[in-house]
Amino acid sequence: MLKELLLKNRSYRRFYQSETISKETLLDFINLARFAPSAKNSQPLKYYISNSETTNSKIFSTLSWAGYLTDWDGPIEGEQPSAYIVVLLDKNITENNFCDHGFAIQTILLAAVEKGFGGCTIAAFNKTKLSKIINTPENMQELLVIALGKPKETVNIYEISDNESIKYWRDENKIHKVPKRKLIDIVINKN
């Protein structure tokens, strides 16, 4: 069951924009993230959620999509995310989020997949513009944006040898291909 969820949890970048995600569902995802591990149990993460077309459009304008797909500017209208979760660090709690955001984001994405949605974690965004859009308090720092929706694309993973390219790409049918290193190539003590 976990393996199935993990294999379905790909970085989706095209969605059925009209398939909405309710505020309650977004709050359910964040509620699960609350139970994820936290360094020193400091729990410094806060979240901004959006499922409104107007705010989503504004957030979308701050994002950069798929760095390896240099001939693609991101999802077109009708294929854009139907919701966003902005993950923030509350610097009044700690200046260092350690790896808390990784645990939280994986939890949110697995919860989304379980509900038939998918997402993409985005670190490339215009922080100044996003901060103004979501009215980020001074003590908060935007860490990452999770774009969410009903996936409109197929993402296939395949194994590569240690010296092959790890760059994802799309084939002529717009199938998103994601190379993954083999298990034998990532374990250093093979005996």
N, C-alpha and C. Protein backbone atom coordinates (compact mmCIF):
# COMPACT_ATOMS: atom_id res chain seq x y z
N MET A 1 0.82 -1.19 0.00
CA MET A 1 0.00 0.00 0.00
C MET A 1 0.87 1.26 0.00
N LEU A 2 1.87 1.34 0.88
CA LEU A 2 2.75 2.50 0.90
C LEU A 2 3.52 2.62 -0.41
N LYS A 3 4.04 1.50 -0.91
CA LYS A 3 4.78 1.53 -2.16
C LYS A 3 3.90 2.05 -3.30
N GLU A 4 2.65 1.62 -3.32
CA GLU A 4 1.72 2.09 -4.36
C GLU A 4 1.53 3.61 -4.28
N LEU A 5 1.35 4.12 -3.06
CA LEU A 5 1.20 5.58 -2.89
C LEU A 5 2.47 6.31 -3.32
N LEU A 6 3.63 5.79 -2.92
CA LEU A 6 4.89 6.43 -3.29
C LEU A 6 5.09 6.46 -4.80
N LEU A 7 4.76 5.38 -5.48
CA LEU A 7 4.93 5.34 -6.93
C LEU A 7 3.94 6.25 -7.65
N LYS A 8 2.78 6.48 -7.07
CA LYS A 8 1.80 7.41 -7.65
C LYS A 8 2.14 8.87 -7.33
N ASN A 9 2.95 9.07 -6.31
CA ASN A 9 3.30 10.42 -5.87
C ASN A 9 4.44 10.96 -6.73
N ARG A 10 4.11 11.45 -7.88
CA ARG A 10 5.07 12.04 -8.81
C ARG A 10 4.92 13.56 -8.77
N SER A 11 5.84 14.27 -9.38
CA SER A 11 5.71 15.73 -9.51
C SER A 11 4.84 16.01 -10.73
N TYR A 12 3.56 16.18 -10.48
CA TYR A 12 2.61 16.49 -11.56
C TYR A 12 2.64 17.98 -11.84
N ARG A 13 2.62 18.33 -13.11
CA ARG A 13 2.69 19.75 -13.48
C ARG A 13 1.54 20.19 -14.38
N ARG A 14 0.66 19.25 -14.72
CA ARG A 14 -0.53 19.57 -15.51
C ARG A 14 -1.73 18.94 -14.81
N PHE A 15 -2.79 19.72 -14.66
CA PHE A 15 -3.94 19.30 -13.88
C PHE A 15 -5.24 19.58 -14.62
N TYR A 16 -6.31 18.95 -14.17
CA TYR A 16 -7.66 19.33 -14.59
C TYR A 16 -8.05 20.48 -13.68
N GLN A 17 -7.84 21.68 -14.17
CA GLN A 17 -8.02 22.88 -13.34
C GLN A 17 -9.42 23.00 -12.78
N SER A 18 -10.42 22.49 -13.49
CA SER A 18 -11.81 22.61 -13.04
C SER A 18 -12.15 21.64 -11.90
N GLU A 19 -11.28 20.66 -11.65
CA GLU A 19 -11.49 19.72 -10.53
C GLU A 19 -10.98 20.37 -9.25
N THR A 20 -11.89 20.91 -8.48
CA THR A 20 -11.50 21.69 -7.30
C THR A 20 -11.13 20.80 -6.12
N ILE A 21 -10.41 21.39 -5.20
CA ILE A 21 -10.08 20.75 -3.92
C ILE A 21 -10.66 21.66 -2.84
N SER A 22 -11.49 21.10 -1.99
CA SER A 22 -12.17 21.92 -0.98
C SER A 22 -11.19 22.40 0.09
N LYS A 23 -11.57 23.46 0.74
CA LYS A 23 -10.78 23.98 1.86
C LYS A 23 -10.66 22.91 2.95
N GLU A 24 -11.73 22.18 3.18
CA GLU A 24 -11.72 21.13 4.20
C GLU A 24 -10.69 20.05 3.86
N THR A 25 -10.59 19.69 2.59
CA THR A 25 -9.60 18.69 2.17
C THR A 25 -8.19 19.21 2.37
N LEU A 26 -7.96 20.46 2.02
CA LEU A 26 -6.64 21.07 2.23
C LEU A 26 -6.29 21.09 3.72
N LEU A 27 -7.27 21.41 4.55
CA LEU A 27 -7.04 21.40 5.99
C LEU A 27 -6.78 19.98 6.50
N ASP A 28 -7.43 18.99 5.91
CA ASP A 28 -7.16 17.59 6.27
C ASP A 28 -5.71 17.23 5.97
N PHE A 29 -5.21 17.68 4.80
CA PHE A 29 -3.81 17.41 4.43
C PHE A 29 -2.86 18.02 5.46
N ILE A 30 -3.13 19.27 5.83
CA ILE A 30 -2.27 19.96 6.79
C ILE A 30 -2.39 19.33 8.17
N ASN A 31 -3.58 18.88 8.52
CA ASN A 31 -3.75 18.22 9.81
C ASN A 31 -2.89 16.97 9.89
N LEU A 32 -2.78 16.22 8.80
CA LEU A 32 -1.90 15.05 8.78
C LEU A 32 -0.44 15.47 8.90
N ALA A 33 -0.07 16.57 8.24
CA ALA A 33 1.31 17.06 8.30
C ALA A 33 1.69 17.46 9.72
N ARG A 34 0.72 17.84 10.50
CA ARG A 34 0.95 18.19 11.91
C ARG A 34 1.59 17.05 12.68
N PHE A 35 1.31 15.82 12.25
CA PHE A 35 1.80 14.64 12.95
C PHE A 35 3.15 14.16 12.43
N ALA A 36 3.68 14.82 11.43
CA ALA A 36 5.00 14.47 10.89
C ALA A 36 6.09 14.82 11.91
N PRO A 37 7.24 14.16 11.81
CA PRO A 37 8.34 14.49 12.73
C PRO A 37 8.75 15.96 12.62
N SER A 38 9.25 16.49 13.72
CA SER A 38 9.73 17.87 13.77
C SER A 38 10.99 17.91 14.63
N ALA A 39 12.06 18.51 14.08
CA ALA A 39 13.31 18.62 14.83
C ALA A 39 13.06 19.35 16.14
N LYS A 40 13.56 18.78 17.22
CA LYS A 40 13.37 19.32 18.57
C LYS A 40 11.89 19.46 18.93
N ASN A 41 11.01 18.88 18.12
CA ASN A 41 9.56 19.01 18.25
C ASN A 41 9.13 20.47 18.29
N SER A 42 9.88 21.32 17.59
CA SER A 42 9.60 22.76 17.63
C SER A 42 8.36 23.15 16.82
N GLN A 43 8.01 22.35 15.81
CA GLN A 43 6.80 22.58 15.01
C GLN A 43 6.72 24.02 14.48
N PRO A 44 7.74 24.45 13.73
CA PRO A 44 7.80 25.84 13.30
C PRO A 44 7.07 26.14 11.98
N LEU A 45 6.47 25.14 11.36
CA LEU A 45 5.85 25.35 10.06
C LEU A 45 4.44 25.90 10.19
N LYS A 46 4.13 26.82 9.28
CA LYS A 46 2.78 27.37 9.15
C LYS A 46 2.40 27.23 7.67
N TYR A 47 1.12 27.38 7.39
CA TYR A 47 0.65 27.10 6.03
C TYR A 47 -0.35 28.16 5.59
N TYR A 48 -0.23 28.53 4.33
CA TYR A 48 -1.22 29.39 3.69
C TYR A 48 -1.89 28.53 2.62
N ILE A 49 -3.21 28.46 2.63
CA ILE A 49 -3.92 27.65 1.65
C ILE A 49 -4.74 28.52 0.71
N SER A 50 -4.85 28.06 -0.52
CA SER A 50 -5.70 28.75 -1.50
C SER A 50 -6.35 27.72 -2.42
N ASN A 51 -7.65 27.88 -2.59
CA ASN A 51 -8.38 27.14 -3.61
C ASN A 51 -9.30 28.07 -4.39
N SER A 52 -9.04 29.36 -4.28
CA SER A 52 -9.83 30.36 -5.01
C SER A 52 -9.15 30.66 -6.34
N GLU A 53 -9.95 30.73 -7.39
CA GLU A 53 -9.40 30.99 -8.73
C GLU A 53 -8.58 32.28 -8.76
N THR A 54 -9.07 33.32 -8.11
CA THR A 54 -8.39 34.61 -8.13
C THR A 54 -7.02 34.52 -7.46
N THR A 55 -6.98 34.00 -6.25
CA THR A 55 -5.71 33.89 -5.53
C THR A 55 -4.79 32.88 -6.21
N ASN A 56 -5.36 31.78 -6.69
CA ASN A 56 -4.55 30.78 -7.40
C ASN A 56 -3.84 31.41 -8.60
N SER A 57 -4.55 32.23 -9.34
CA SER A 57 -3.96 32.89 -10.51
C SER A 57 -2.80 33.79 -10.10
N LYS A 58 -2.96 34.48 -9.00
CA LYS A 58 -1.89 35.35 -8.50
C LYS A 58 -0.68 34.54 -8.06
N ILE A 59 -0.92 33.45 -7.32
CA ILE A 59 0.18 32.60 -6.88
C ILE A 59 0.87 31.99 -8.09
N PHE A 60 0.10 31.51 -9.05
CA PHE A 60 0.66 30.91 -10.26
C PHE A 60 1.64 31.86 -10.95
N SER A 61 1.32 33.14 -10.95
CA SER A 61 2.17 34.13 -11.64
C SER A 61 3.55 34.28 -10.99
N THR A 62 3.73 33.76 -9.79
CA THR A 62 5.02 33.88 -9.09
C THR A 62 5.92 32.66 -9.31
N LEU A 63 5.39 31.62 -9.92
CA LEU A 63 6.08 30.33 -9.97
C LEU A 63 6.88 30.11 -11.25
N SER A 64 7.96 29.36 -11.13
CA SER A 64 8.72 28.87 -12.28
C SER A 64 8.53 27.37 -12.32
N TRP A 65 8.31 26.84 -13.52
CA TRP A 65 7.94 25.43 -13.67
C TRP A 65 9.01 24.65 -14.42
N ALA A 66 9.36 23.46 -13.93
CA ALA A 66 10.11 22.42 -14.64
C ALA A 66 11.37 22.94 -15.33
N GLY A 67 12.40 23.18 -14.55
CA GLY A 67 13.66 23.73 -15.07
C GLY A 67 14.28 22.95 -16.20
N TYR A 68 14.14 21.63 -16.22
CA TYR A 68 14.72 20.82 -17.30
C TYR A 68 13.93 20.92 -18.59
N LEU A 69 12.66 21.32 -18.52
CA LEU A 69 11.84 21.44 -19.73
C LEU A 69 11.94 22.87 -20.24
N THR A 70 13.05 23.18 -20.86
CA THR A 70 13.36 24.55 -21.25
C THR A 70 12.43 25.11 -22.32
N ASP A 71 11.74 24.25 -23.04
CA ASP A 71 10.83 24.72 -24.09
C ASP A 71 9.38 24.79 -23.60
N TRP A 72 9.17 24.71 -22.27
CA TRP A 72 7.83 24.71 -21.70
C TRP A 72 7.74 25.78 -20.63
N ASP A 73 6.74 26.64 -20.73
CA ASP A 73 6.57 27.76 -19.80
C ASP A 73 5.68 27.44 -18.60
N GLY A 74 5.25 26.21 -18.51
CA GLY A 74 4.36 25.82 -17.41
C GLY A 74 2.98 25.50 -17.93
N PRO A 75 2.11 25.08 -17.04
CA PRO A 75 0.78 24.67 -17.46
C PRO A 75 -0.04 25.84 -18.03
N ILE A 76 -0.78 25.51 -19.08
CA ILE A 76 -1.64 26.52 -19.71
C ILE A 76 -2.95 26.65 -18.94
N GLU A 77 -3.70 27.68 -19.23
CA GLU A 77 -5.01 27.86 -18.62
C GLU A 77 -5.84 26.60 -18.87
N GLY A 78 -6.50 26.11 -17.84
CA GLY A 78 -7.26 24.86 -17.91
C GLY A 78 -6.46 23.67 -17.40
N GLU A 79 -5.13 23.83 -17.32
CA GLU A 79 -4.26 22.77 -16.81
C GLU A 79 -3.47 23.21 -15.58
N GLN A 80 -3.84 24.36 -15.03
CA GLN A 80 -3.14 24.88 -13.86
C GLN A 80 -3.69 24.26 -12.58
N PRO A 81 -2.92 24.33 -11.50
CA PRO A 81 -3.37 23.76 -10.23
C PRO A 81 -4.69 24.38 -9.76
N SER A 82 -5.47 23.57 -9.05
CA SER A 82 -6.73 24.09 -8.50
C SER A 82 -6.58 24.49 -7.03
N ALA A 83 -5.40 24.25 -6.47
CA ALA A 83 -5.15 24.66 -5.08
C ALA A 83 -3.64 24.78 -4.84
N TYR A 84 -3.32 25.54 -3.82
CA TYR A 84 -1.93 25.71 -3.40
C TYR A 84 -1.85 25.65 -1.88
N ILE A 85 -0.73 25.14 -1.41
CA ILE A 85 -0.36 25.27 0.00
C ILE A 85 1.04 25.87 0.01
N VAL A 86 1.17 27.04 0.63
CA VAL A 86 2.47 27.67 0.79
C VAL A 86 2.97 27.28 2.18
N VAL A 87 4.16 26.69 2.22
CA VAL A 87 4.75 26.26 3.48
C VAL A 87 5.68 27.37 3.97
N LEU A 88 5.44 27.82 5.21
CA LEU A 88 6.20 28.93 5.77
C LEU A 88 6.89 28.50 7.06
N LEU A 89 7.99 29.17 7.34
CA LEU A 89 8.72 28.99 8.60
C LEU A 89 8.40 30.16 9.52
N ASP A 90 7.94 29.84 10.72
CA ASP A 90 7.69 30.88 11.73
C ASP A 90 9.01 31.12 12.47
N LYS A 91 9.68 32.23 12.12
CA LYS A 91 10.99 32.54 12.69
C LYS A 91 10.92 32.97 14.15
N ASN A 92 9.71 33.20 14.68
CA ASN A 92 9.57 33.44 16.12
C ASN A 92 9.78 32.14 16.90
N ILE A 93 9.60 31.01 16.22
CA ILE A 93 9.80 29.71 16.87
C ILE A 93 11.24 29.26 16.71
N THR A 94 11.75 29.35 15.48
CA THR A 94 13.15 28.98 15.20
C THR A 94 13.58 29.61 13.88
N GLU A 95 14.87 29.84 13.75
CA GLU A 95 15.42 30.37 12.49
C GLU A 95 15.78 29.23 11.54
N ASN A 96 15.76 27.99 12.03
CA ASN A 96 16.19 26.84 11.23
C ASN A 96 15.07 25.82 11.19
N ASN A 97 14.57 25.54 9.99
CA ASN A 97 13.49 24.56 9.87
C ASN A 97 14.01 23.14 9.76
N PHE A 98 15.34 22.97 9.79
CA PHE A 98 15.97 21.66 9.66
C PHE A 98 15.34 20.93 8.47
N CYS A 99 14.76 19.77 8.70
CA CYS A 99 14.15 19.02 7.59
C CYS A 99 12.64 18.89 7.78
N ASP A 100 12.08 19.67 8.67
CA ASP A 100 10.65 19.58 8.95
C ASP A 100 9.79 19.72 7.70
N HIS A 101 10.15 20.65 6.83
CA HIS A 101 9.32 20.87 5.64
C HIS A 101 9.31 19.65 4.71
N GLY A 102 10.40 18.90 4.67
CA GLY A 102 10.43 17.69 3.86
C GLY A 102 9.44 16.65 4.35
N PHE A 103 9.43 16.44 5.67
CA PHE A 103 8.48 15.50 6.26
C PHE A 103 7.05 15.95 6.00
N ALA A 104 6.79 17.22 6.22
CA ALA A 104 5.43 17.75 6.09
C ALA A 104 4.95 17.67 4.64
N ILE A 105 5.81 18.06 3.71
CA ILE A 105 5.40 18.06 2.30
C ILE A 105 5.14 16.64 1.81
N GLN A 106 6.00 15.70 2.16
CA GLN A 106 5.77 14.32 1.75
C GLN A 106 4.44 13.81 2.31
N THR A 107 4.14 14.16 3.54
CA THR A 107 2.87 13.76 4.15
C THR A 107 1.70 14.35 3.38
N ILE A 108 1.77 15.63 3.05
CA ILE A 108 0.70 16.30 2.31
C ILE A 108 0.53 15.66 0.93
N LEU A 109 1.63 15.42 0.24
CA LEU A 109 1.53 14.86 -1.11
C LEU A 109 0.99 13.43 -1.09
N LEU A 110 1.40 12.63 -0.12
CA LEU A 110 0.87 11.27 -0.02
C LEU A 110 -0.63 11.30 0.30
N ALA A 111 -1.04 12.22 1.15
CA ALA A 111 -2.46 12.38 1.46
C ALA A 111 -3.23 12.79 0.20
N ALA A 112 -2.64 13.67 -0.59
CA ALA A 112 -3.29 14.10 -1.84
C ALA A 112 -3.46 12.93 -2.80
N VAL A 113 -2.41 12.14 -2.96
CA VAL A 113 -2.47 10.98 -3.85
C VAL A 113 -3.54 10.00 -3.37
N GLU A 114 -3.60 9.78 -2.08
CA GLU A 114 -4.59 8.86 -1.53
C GLU A 114 -6.01 9.31 -1.87
N LYS A 115 -6.23 10.63 -1.99
CA LYS A 115 -7.55 11.18 -2.31
C LYS A 115 -7.77 11.34 -3.82
N GLY A 116 -6.82 10.88 -4.64
CA GLY A 116 -6.99 10.98 -6.08
C GLY A 116 -6.44 12.26 -6.69
N PHE A 117 -5.70 13.05 -5.90
CA PHE A 117 -5.08 14.27 -6.38
C PHE A 117 -3.58 14.03 -6.56
N GLY A 118 -2.88 15.05 -6.95
CA GLY A 118 -1.44 14.99 -7.06
C GLY A 118 -0.90 16.39 -6.89
N GLY A 119 0.42 16.48 -6.84
CA GLY A 119 0.99 17.80 -6.63
C GLY A 119 2.41 17.91 -7.11
N CYS A 120 2.93 19.10 -6.96
CA CYS A 120 4.31 19.40 -7.33
C CYS A 120 4.84 20.40 -6.31
N THR A 121 6.00 20.09 -5.75
CA THR A 121 6.64 20.99 -4.81
C THR A 121 7.52 21.95 -5.59
N ILE A 122 7.35 23.23 -5.36
CA ILE A 122 8.05 24.24 -6.14
C ILE A 122 8.87 25.14 -5.21
N ALA A 123 10.17 25.19 -5.50
CA ALA A 123 11.07 26.06 -4.73
C ALA A 123 11.45 27.30 -5.53
N ALA A 124 11.15 27.30 -6.82
CA ALA A 124 11.49 28.42 -7.69
C ALA A 124 10.27 29.34 -7.83
N PHE A 125 10.28 30.39 -7.03
CA PHE A 125 9.18 31.35 -7.08
C PHE A 125 9.70 32.73 -6.69
N ASN A 126 8.96 33.75 -7.09
CA ASN A 126 9.31 35.12 -6.76
C ASN A 126 8.84 35.40 -5.33
N LYS A 127 9.78 35.35 -4.40
CA LYS A 127 9.44 35.46 -2.98
C LYS A 127 8.82 36.83 -2.63
N THR A 128 9.34 37.88 -3.22
CA THR A 128 8.81 39.21 -2.92
C THR A 128 7.36 39.33 -3.37
N LYS A 129 7.09 38.90 -4.59
CA LYS A 129 5.74 38.97 -5.14
C LYS A 129 4.78 38.07 -4.36
N LEU A 130 5.21 36.84 -4.06
CA LEU A 130 4.35 35.91 -3.32
C LEU A 130 4.05 36.46 -1.93
N SER A 131 5.05 37.02 -1.29
CA SER A 131 4.87 37.58 0.05
C SER A 131 3.77 38.65 0.06
N LYS A 132 3.75 39.49 -0.97
CA LYS A 132 2.72 40.53 -1.07
C LYS A 132 1.34 39.92 -1.32
N ILE A 133 1.28 38.88 -2.14
CA ILE A 133 0.00 38.25 -2.48
C ILE A 133 -0.63 37.61 -1.26
N ILE A 134 0.17 36.88 -0.48
CA ILE A 134 -0.41 36.17 0.67
C ILE A 134 -0.27 36.96 1.97
N ASN A 135 0.28 38.16 1.86
CA ASN A 135 0.42 39.05 3.02
C ASN A 135 1.18 38.36 4.15
N THR A 136 2.37 37.89 3.82
CA THR A 136 3.20 37.16 4.77
C THR A 136 3.60 38.04 5.95
N PRO A 137 3.32 37.59 7.17
CA PRO A 137 3.76 38.34 8.35
C PRO A 137 5.29 38.43 8.38
N GLU A 138 5.82 39.46 9.03
CA GLU A 138 7.27 39.70 9.07
C GLU A 138 8.05 38.55 9.68
N ASN A 139 7.45 37.84 10.61
CA ASN A 139 8.15 36.75 11.28
C ASN A 139 8.11 35.43 10.49
N MET A 140 7.52 35.46 9.31
CA MET A 140 7.40 34.24 8.51
C MET A 140 8.28 34.33 7.26
N GLN A 141 8.71 33.15 6.82
CA GLN A 141 9.51 33.04 5.60
C GLN A 141 8.90 31.94 4.74
N GLU A 142 8.63 32.27 3.47
CA GLU A 142 8.10 31.26 2.55
C GLU A 142 9.21 30.28 2.21
N LEU A 143 8.94 28.99 2.39
CA LEU A 143 9.93 27.95 2.10
C LEU A 143 9.68 27.31 0.74
N LEU A 144 8.46 26.84 0.53
CA LEU A 144 8.11 26.12 -0.68
C LEU A 144 6.63 26.31 -0.97
N VAL A 145 6.26 26.06 -2.23
CA VAL A 145 4.86 26.10 -2.63
C VAL A 145 4.50 24.71 -3.13
N ILE A 146 3.38 24.19 -2.66
CA ILE A 146 2.87 22.92 -3.16
C ILE A 146 1.68 23.24 -4.07
N ALA A 147 1.83 22.90 -5.35
CA ALA A 147 0.74 23.05 -6.32
C ALA A 147 -0.04 21.74 -6.31
N LEU A 148 -1.37 21.83 -6.24
CA LEU A 148 -2.19 20.63 -6.11
C LEU A 148 -3.34 20.63 -7.11
N GLY A 149 -3.76 19.43 -7.49
CA GLY A 149 -4.91 19.29 -8.37
C GLY A 149 -5.09 17.85 -8.79
N LYS A 150 -6.06 17.65 -9.65
CA LYS A 150 -6.30 16.32 -10.24
C LYS A 150 -5.35 16.19 -11.42
N PRO A 151 -4.38 15.25 -11.38
CA PRO A 151 -3.38 15.15 -12.45
C PRO A 151 -3.98 14.92 -13.83
N LYS A 152 -3.44 15.65 -14.80
CA LYS A 152 -3.87 15.52 -16.19
C LYS A 152 -2.75 14.94 -17.04
N GLU A 153 -1.75 14.41 -16.42
CA GLU A 153 -0.63 13.86 -17.16
C GLU A 153 -0.19 12.54 -16.58
N THR A 154 0.49 11.78 -17.41
CA THR A 154 1.07 10.52 -16.98
C THR A 154 2.55 10.75 -16.72
N VAL A 155 3.01 10.25 -15.59
CA VAL A 155 4.42 10.36 -15.24
C VAL A 155 4.95 8.93 -15.07
N ASN A 156 5.96 8.60 -15.85
CA ASN A 156 6.58 7.27 -15.78
C ASN A 156 8.00 7.40 -15.24
N ILE A 157 8.35 6.49 -14.34
CA ILE A 157 9.72 6.44 -13.85
C ILE A 157 10.41 5.22 -14.47
N TYR A 158 11.71 5.34 -14.65
CA TYR A 158 12.49 4.24 -15.19
C TYR A 158 13.88 4.29 -14.59
N GLU A 159 14.53 3.14 -14.53
CA GLU A 159 15.85 3.05 -13.93
C GLU A 159 16.94 3.41 -14.93
N ILE A 160 17.99 4.03 -14.40
CA ILE A 160 19.14 4.39 -15.22
C ILE A 160 20.40 3.85 -14.56
N SER A 161 21.44 3.78 -15.35
CA SER A 161 22.75 3.43 -14.80
C SER A 161 23.34 4.66 -14.13
N ASP A 162 24.31 4.45 -13.30
CA ASP A 162 24.89 5.51 -12.48
C ASP A 162 25.39 6.71 -13.30
N ASN A 163 25.83 6.50 -14.53
CA ASN A 163 26.40 7.60 -15.31
C ASN A 163 25.42 8.22 -16.31
N GLU A 164 24.17 7.80 -16.32
CA GLU A 164 23.18 8.37 -17.24
C GLU A 164 22.58 9.66 -16.67
N SER A 165 21.98 10.44 -17.53
CA SER A 165 21.37 11.71 -17.13
C SER A 165 20.17 11.48 -16.21
N ILE A 166 20.05 12.33 -15.21
CA ILE A 166 18.91 12.29 -14.29
C ILE A 166 17.85 13.33 -14.67
N LYS A 167 18.03 14.00 -15.81
CA LYS A 167 17.07 15.04 -16.23
C LYS A 167 15.76 14.40 -16.70
N TYR A 168 14.66 14.89 -16.13
CA TYR A 168 13.35 14.43 -16.59
C TYR A 168 13.05 15.06 -17.94
N TRP A 169 12.12 14.47 -18.68
CA TRP A 169 11.81 14.92 -20.03
C TRP A 169 10.42 14.43 -20.42
N ARG A 170 9.93 14.91 -21.55
CA ARG A 170 8.64 14.48 -22.08
C ARG A 170 8.84 13.87 -23.45
N ASP A 171 8.11 12.78 -23.71
CA ASP A 171 8.20 12.16 -25.03
C ASP A 171 7.21 12.83 -25.98
N GLU A 172 7.12 12.31 -27.20
CA GLU A 172 6.26 12.91 -28.23
C GLU A 172 4.78 12.87 -27.86
N ASN A 173 4.39 12.00 -26.93
CA ASN A 173 3.00 11.90 -26.47
C ASN A 173 2.76 12.68 -25.17
N LYS A 174 3.72 13.51 -24.79
CA LYS A 174 3.67 14.32 -23.57
C LYS A 174 3.64 13.48 -22.30
N ILE A 175 4.18 12.26 -22.39
CA ILE A 175 4.35 11.43 -21.20
C ILE A 175 5.61 11.93 -20.51
N HIS A 176 5.47 12.26 -19.26
CA HIS A 176 6.58 12.80 -18.47
C HIS A 176 7.45 11.63 -18.01
N LYS A 177 8.71 11.64 -18.35
CA LYS A 177 9.64 10.56 -18.04
C LYS A 177 10.61 11.02 -16.95
N VAL A 178 10.73 10.20 -15.89
CA VAL A 178 11.57 10.57 -14.76
C VAL A 178 12.58 9.45 -14.49
N PRO A 179 13.86 9.70 -14.78
CA PRO A 179 14.89 8.69 -14.52
C PRO A 179 15.21 8.59 -13.03
N LYS A 180 15.40 7.35 -12.57
CA LYS A 180 15.76 7.10 -11.17
C LYS A 180 16.98 6.18 -11.15
N ARG A 181 17.91 6.50 -10.27
CA ARG A 181 19.09 5.65 -10.11
C ARG A 181 18.67 4.28 -9.57
N LYS A 182 19.42 3.24 -9.92
CA LYS A 182 19.16 1.90 -9.44
C LYS A 182 19.55 1.79 -7.97
N LEU A 183 18.89 0.88 -7.27
CA LEU A 183 19.20 0.64 -5.86
C LEU A 183 20.67 0.33 -5.66
N ILE A 184 21.21 -0.48 -6.52
CA ILE A 184 22.63 -0.89 -6.39
C ILE A 184 23.57 0.31 -6.53
N ASP A 185 23.13 1.36 -7.23
CA ASP A 185 23.97 2.53 -7.44
C ASP A 185 23.88 3.55 -6.29
N ILE A 186 22.96 3.35 -5.37
CA ILE A 186 22.84 4.31 -4.27
C ILE A 186 23.21 3.73 -2.91
N VAL A 187 23.44 2.42 -2.86
CA VAL A 187 23.90 1.78 -1.62
C VAL A 187 25.40 1.63 -1.72
N ILE A 188 26.14 2.21 -0.78
CA ILE A 188 27.61 2.22 -0.91
C ILE A 188 28.27 0.97 -0.36
N ASN A 189 27.65 0.26 0.55
CA ASN A 189 28.23 -0.98 1.07
C ASN A 189 27.46 -2.17 0.51
N LYS A 190 27.88 -2.62 -0.65
CA LYS A 190 27.13 -3.62 -1.40
C LYS A 190 27.39 -5.06 -0.94
N ASN A 191 28.25 -5.31 0.01
CA ASN A 191 28.52 -6.69 0.42
C ASN A 191 27.63 -7.14 1.55
